[in-house]
Protein backbone atom coordinates (compact mmCIF):
# COMPACT_ATOMS: atom_id res chain seq x y z
CA MET A 1 -15.73 55.78 -75.94
CA LEU A 2 -17.71 54.10 -78.74
CA ARG A 3 -14.89 54.74 -81.17
CA ALA A 4 -12.40 53.13 -78.80
CA LEU A 5 -14.73 50.17 -78.35
CA ASP A 6 -15.09 49.82 -82.11
CA GLN A 7 -11.32 49.85 -82.57
CA ARG A 8 -10.85 47.38 -79.75
CA ASP A 9 -13.34 44.92 -81.24
CA ALA A 10 -12.58 45.53 -84.92
CA TRP A 11 -10.62 42.29 -85.20
CA ARG A 12 -13.77 40.17 -84.73
CA PRO A 13 -15.52 41.15 -87.99
CA VAL A 14 -12.17 40.91 -89.78
CA ILE A 15 -11.64 37.31 -88.65
CA ALA A 16 -15.30 36.48 -89.34
CA GLY A 17 -14.85 37.97 -92.80
CA LEU A 18 -11.75 35.85 -93.44
CA ILE A 19 -13.58 32.70 -92.40
CA ALA A 20 -16.62 33.56 -94.51
CA LEU A 21 -14.41 34.44 -97.49
CA ALA A 22 -12.57 31.13 -97.18
CA TRP A 23 -15.86 29.18 -97.18
CA LEU A 24 -17.23 31.22 -100.08
CA THR A 25 -14.06 30.70 -102.11
CA LEU A 26 -14.16 26.95 -101.47
CA VAL A 27 -17.82 26.73 -102.50
CA ILE A 28 -17.20 28.69 -105.71
CA TRP A 29 -14.03 26.72 -106.43
CA GLU A 30 -15.80 23.39 -105.89
CA GLN A 31 -18.67 24.33 -108.21
CA SER A 32 -16.45 25.79 -110.93
CA PRO A 33 -14.86 23.86 -113.84
CA TYR A 34 -11.65 23.95 -111.79
CA GLY A 35 -13.19 22.16 -108.82
CA ARG A 36 -11.25 19.03 -109.79
CA TYR A 37 -8.06 20.80 -108.70
CA LEU A 38 -9.24 20.51 -105.11
CA ASP A 39 -8.98 16.76 -105.60
CA HIS A 40 -5.25 16.27 -105.10
CA GLY A 41 -5.26 13.02 -107.07
CA GLN A 42 -6.01 14.63 -110.47
CA TRP A 43 -3.72 17.64 -110.72
CA LEU A 44 -1.28 15.99 -113.10
CA GLU A 45 -3.91 14.45 -115.35
CA VAL A 46 -6.19 17.22 -116.60
CA GLY A 47 -6.23 20.49 -118.50
CA LEU A 48 -3.90 23.45 -118.15
CA ALA A 49 -2.33 22.19 -114.94
CA ALA A 50 -1.08 19.05 -116.67
CA LYS A 51 0.43 21.09 -119.53
CA ILE A 52 2.21 23.47 -117.15
CA CYS A 53 3.49 20.54 -115.08
CA ARG A 54 5.05 19.04 -118.19
CA ALA A 55 6.50 22.36 -119.40
CA LEU A 56 8.08 23.69 -116.18
CA PRO A 57 11.29 22.31 -114.66
CA ALA A 58 10.14 20.28 -111.67
CA GLY A 59 6.63 21.37 -112.62
CA SER A 60 5.15 18.01 -111.73
CA LEU A 61 6.08 18.79 -108.12
CA LEU A 62 5.97 22.60 -107.97
CA LEU A 63 2.55 23.34 -109.43
CA PRO A 64 0.66 20.59 -107.59
CA GLY A 65 2.38 21.75 -104.42
CA LEU A 66 1.26 25.35 -104.97
CA LEU A 67 -2.29 24.27 -105.80
CA TYR A 68 -2.38 21.99 -102.81
CA VAL A 69 -1.07 24.65 -100.41
CA SER A 70 -3.68 27.12 -101.68
CA GLY A 71 -6.54 24.65 -101.29
CA TRP A 72 -5.34 23.35 -97.94
CA LEU A 73 -4.79 26.88 -96.58
CA LEU A 74 -8.36 27.79 -97.54
CA MET A 75 -9.62 24.61 -95.88
CA THR A 76 -7.65 25.38 -92.73
CA MET A 77 -8.94 28.94 -92.57
CA ALA A 78 -12.51 27.75 -93.06
CA MET A 79 -12.40 24.75 -90.70
CA MET A 80 -9.82 25.60 -88.04
CA LEU A 81 -9.91 29.38 -87.53
CA PRO A 82 -13.36 29.13 -85.89
CA THR A 83 -11.89 26.71 -83.34
CA VAL A 84 -9.20 29.21 -82.30
CA LEU A 85 -11.53 32.19 -81.74
CA PRO A 86 -11.56 31.84 -77.91
CA LEU A 87 -7.75 32.13 -77.84
CA LEU A 88 -7.80 35.12 -80.20
CA ASN A 89 -10.49 36.79 -78.08
CA ILE A 90 -8.43 36.49 -74.90
CA PHE A 91 -5.21 37.50 -76.66
CA ALA A 92 -6.98 40.59 -78.03
CA ARG A 93 -7.88 41.57 -74.46
CA VAL A 94 -4.36 40.93 -73.18
CA THR A 95 -2.90 43.16 -75.92
CA SER A 96 -5.69 45.77 -75.87
CA GLY A 97 -3.28 48.56 -74.91
CA LYS A 98 -0.75 47.80 -77.67
CA ALA A 99 -0.50 50.15 -80.62
CA ASP A 100 0.37 47.23 -82.91
CA ARG A 101 -2.26 44.85 -81.55
CA ALA A 102 -3.60 44.11 -85.04
CA LEU A 103 -0.13 42.98 -86.13
CA LEU A 104 0.28 40.83 -83.02
CA LEU A 105 -3.06 39.12 -83.69
CA THR A 106 -2.06 38.59 -87.30
CA LEU A 107 1.21 36.97 -86.25
CA VAL A 108 -0.68 34.57 -83.97
CA ILE A 109 -2.89 33.55 -86.91
CA VAL A 110 0.09 33.24 -89.27
CA GLY A 111 1.93 30.98 -86.82
CA TYR A 112 -1.19 28.86 -86.33
CA LEU A 113 -1.85 28.48 -90.06
CA ALA A 114 1.84 27.75 -90.73
CA ILE A 115 1.69 24.61 -88.57
CA TRP A 116 -1.49 23.40 -90.26
CA THR A 117 0.05 24.08 -93.67
CA LEU A 118 3.13 22.05 -92.71
CA PHE A 119 0.88 19.22 -91.53
CA GLY A 120 -1.03 19.40 -94.81
CA LEU A 121 2.15 19.13 -96.86
CA ILE A 122 3.31 16.11 -94.85
CA ALA A 123 -0.11 14.48 -95.19
CA HIS A 124 -0.16 15.22 -98.93
CA VAL A 125 3.26 13.63 -99.47
CA ALA A 126 2.16 10.58 -97.49
CA ASP A 127 -1.05 10.40 -99.52
CA MET A 128 0.81 10.64 -102.83
CA THR A 129 3.23 7.94 -101.69
CA LEU A 130 0.34 5.70 -100.71
CA HIS A 131 -1.30 6.21 -104.10
CA ALA A 132 1.97 5.36 -105.83
CA VAL A 133 2.35 2.17 -103.81
CA ALA A 134 -1.27 1.20 -104.46
CA ALA A 135 -0.80 1.75 -108.20
CA THR A 136 2.01 -0.81 -108.29
CA ASN A 137 0.23 -3.32 -106.06
CA ALA A 138 -2.50 -5.34 -107.78
CA PHE A 139 -4.14 -6.34 -104.49
CA LEU A 140 -4.45 -2.77 -103.22
CA SER A 141 -5.59 -1.55 -106.65
CA PHE A 142 -8.59 -3.90 -106.51
CA ASN A 143 -9.15 -3.54 -102.76
CA GLY A 144 -8.78 0.17 -102.14
CA TRP A 145 -11.40 -0.06 -99.41
CA ILE A 146 -8.71 -1.54 -97.14
CA ILE A 147 -6.91 1.80 -97.04
CA GLY A 148 -10.15 3.53 -96.10
CA VAL A 149 -10.76 1.05 -93.31
CA ILE A 150 -7.26 1.59 -91.94
CA VAL A 151 -7.70 5.38 -91.92
CA LEU A 152 -11.10 5.09 -90.22
CA ALA A 153 -9.73 2.66 -87.63
CA ILE A 154 -6.73 4.88 -86.86
CA ALA A 155 -8.98 7.93 -86.49
CA GLY A 156 -11.36 5.94 -84.28
CA LEU A 157 -8.68 4.51 -82.01
CA PHE A 158 -7.00 7.90 -81.64
CA GLN A 159 -10.15 9.29 -80.01
CA PHE A 160 -9.35 7.12 -76.97
CA SER A 161 -5.67 8.07 -76.64
CA ARG A 162 -4.22 10.04 -73.73
CA PHE A 163 -2.28 12.18 -76.20
CA LYS A 164 -5.55 13.30 -77.80
CA TYR A 165 -6.95 14.45 -74.45
CA ARG A 166 -3.71 16.14 -73.39
CA CYS A 167 -3.68 18.22 -76.57
CA LEU A 168 -7.42 18.86 -76.34
CA ASP A 169 -7.07 20.14 -72.77
CA LYS A 170 -4.47 22.66 -73.95
CA CYS A 171 -6.80 23.87 -76.68
CA ARG A 172 -9.76 24.13 -74.30
CA THR A 173 -7.92 26.40 -71.82
CA PRO A 174 -6.86 29.42 -73.91
CA PHE A 175 -6.26 31.72 -70.92
CA SER A 176 -3.81 29.29 -69.31
CA PHE A 177 -2.21 28.69 -72.68
CA ILE A 178 -1.58 32.40 -73.26
CA ASN A 179 -0.34 32.82 -69.69
CA GLU A 180 2.14 30.00 -70.31
CA HIS A 181 3.46 31.18 -73.69
CA TRP A 182 3.12 35.00 -73.61
CA ARG A 183 5.60 37.10 -71.65
CA GLY A 184 5.27 40.41 -73.51
CA HIS A 185 9.01 40.88 -74.08
CA ALA A 186 9.78 40.19 -77.73
CA GLU A 187 6.12 40.73 -78.52
CA ARG A 188 6.05 40.01 -82.24
CA TRP A 189 8.17 36.89 -82.00
CA GLU A 190 6.20 35.67 -78.99
CA SER A 191 2.94 36.27 -80.85
CA PHE A 192 4.12 34.14 -83.76
CA GLN A 193 5.36 31.46 -81.37
CA LEU A 194 2.03 31.51 -79.53
CA GLY A 195 0.29 30.70 -82.80
CA VAL A 196 2.83 27.99 -83.60
CA HIS A 197 2.50 26.33 -80.19
CA HIS A 198 -1.28 26.47 -80.29
CA GLY A 199 -1.20 25.07 -83.82
CA LEU A 200 0.95 22.15 -82.66
CA PHE A 201 -1.52 21.20 -79.92
CA CYS A 202 -4.43 21.74 -82.30
CA VAL A 203 -2.86 19.40 -84.85
CA GLY A 204 -2.15 17.02 -81.99
CA CYS A 205 -5.83 16.68 -81.09
CA CYS A 206 -7.36 17.01 -84.58
CA TRP A 207 -4.93 15.38 -87.05
CA ALA A 208 -6.82 12.08 -87.20
CA ILE A 209 -10.11 13.80 -88.02
CA MET A 210 -8.41 15.95 -90.66
CA LEU A 211 -7.02 12.79 -92.28
CA LEU A 212 -10.62 11.81 -92.97
CA MET A 213 -10.68 14.62 -95.54
CA PHE A 214 -8.39 12.49 -97.70
CA LEU A 215 -10.86 9.64 -97.37
CA VAL A 216 -14.08 11.51 -98.16
CA GLY A 217 -12.54 13.90 -100.70
CA ALA A 218 -10.38 16.91 -99.91
CA GLY A 219 -12.58 19.18 -102.00
CA SER A 220 -15.93 18.28 -100.41
CA VAL A 221 -17.32 21.42 -98.78
CA GLY A 222 -20.09 19.42 -97.12
CA TRP A 223 -17.61 17.15 -95.34
CA MET A 224 -15.50 20.18 -94.42
CA LEU A 225 -18.52 21.71 -92.71
CA LEU A 226 -19.30 18.52 -90.80
CA LEU A 227 -15.73 17.78 -89.68
CA GLY A 228 -15.09 21.45 -88.90
CA ALA A 229 -18.22 21.54 -86.72
CA ILE A 230 -17.07 18.40 -84.87
CA MET A 231 -13.64 19.88 -84.12
CA ALA A 232 -15.08 23.25 -83.09
CA THR A 233 -17.53 21.50 -80.73
CA GLU A 234 -14.77 19.37 -79.20
CA LYS A 235 -12.60 22.40 -78.49
CA ASN A 236 -15.04 25.19 -77.68
CA VAL A 237 -18.26 23.74 -76.25
CA ALA A 238 -18.50 22.79 -72.57
CA TRP A 239 -19.57 19.22 -73.30
CA GLY A 240 -17.33 18.92 -76.37
CA ARG A 241 -14.75 16.77 -74.59
CA HIS A 242 -17.38 14.04 -74.22
CA LEU A 243 -17.85 13.90 -77.99
CA SER A 244 -14.54 12.10 -78.55
CA VAL A 245 -15.60 8.67 -77.28
CA PRO A 246 -18.89 8.42 -79.27
CA LEU A 247 -17.02 9.68 -82.33
CA GLY A 248 -14.32 7.05 -81.86
CA ILE A 249 -16.91 4.29 -81.44
CA GLY A 250 -18.76 5.47 -84.54
CA LEU A 251 -15.60 5.46 -86.66
CA LEU A 252 -14.63 1.99 -85.46
CA VAL A 253 -18.13 0.65 -86.13
CA LEU A 254 -18.07 2.17 -89.61
CA SER A 255 -14.71 0.56 -90.38
CA THR A 256 -16.05 -2.79 -89.16
CA VAL A 257 -19.15 -2.48 -91.35
CA ILE A 258 -17.01 -1.74 -94.41
CA VAL A 259 -14.90 -4.83 -93.71
CA ALA A 260 -18.03 -6.95 -93.28
CA LEU A 261 -19.46 -5.72 -96.59
CA ASN A 262 -16.27 -6.46 -98.52
CA ILE A 263 -15.21 -9.90 -97.24
């Protein structure tokens, strides 16, 4: 009986271990001499990475992309996996009688992380494009705070959108979500799709907050902890839904203060 219970609940310490390992790796990475590689803006300018980028065909795109995917995947595991624990808990119960339950849970996580990785790549390309435009525009080069204000304002306004709440409601009702997307026929494919669909709604409600990582520094573990805690509270705590409006007001006030200090 105890052995069966241990096997049934073994996924919890595994997921907790993955989350803890991701945080530990990020902390060590940030404090190491290679911490600058977490800052996506400096990959092509420093050390060994710059030399490899110049030596490899398409290296200036390939290596930064690999470094970015690694860093972003660690960030996603550390910040977003805790927010999906209620869904994983219910899915583990639904599949408790399956011999390959561990694989099914893994496929859910892989599908979920795949969507966040895709979002990260899109955001990274947009960020690089924005930096390139700013570098050729004298006004933006001397007034970079404008970009920060725009990002803050977008993130603030999004907290009041119906789309935000629609996606958040999906994330806050994991049992209904599984019931909607899990049929138990092609189990492995459905498990992966479950993770993908949940990832899409999770990105839908959290993308604006995640964009703030580009504003405060993608390699800042402290900001990761704060923003990750905000998103986990929004999705998993009973009163979390009511956090969106104060957060939106705070972001809009902050953007207004920055404008006032710079004009």
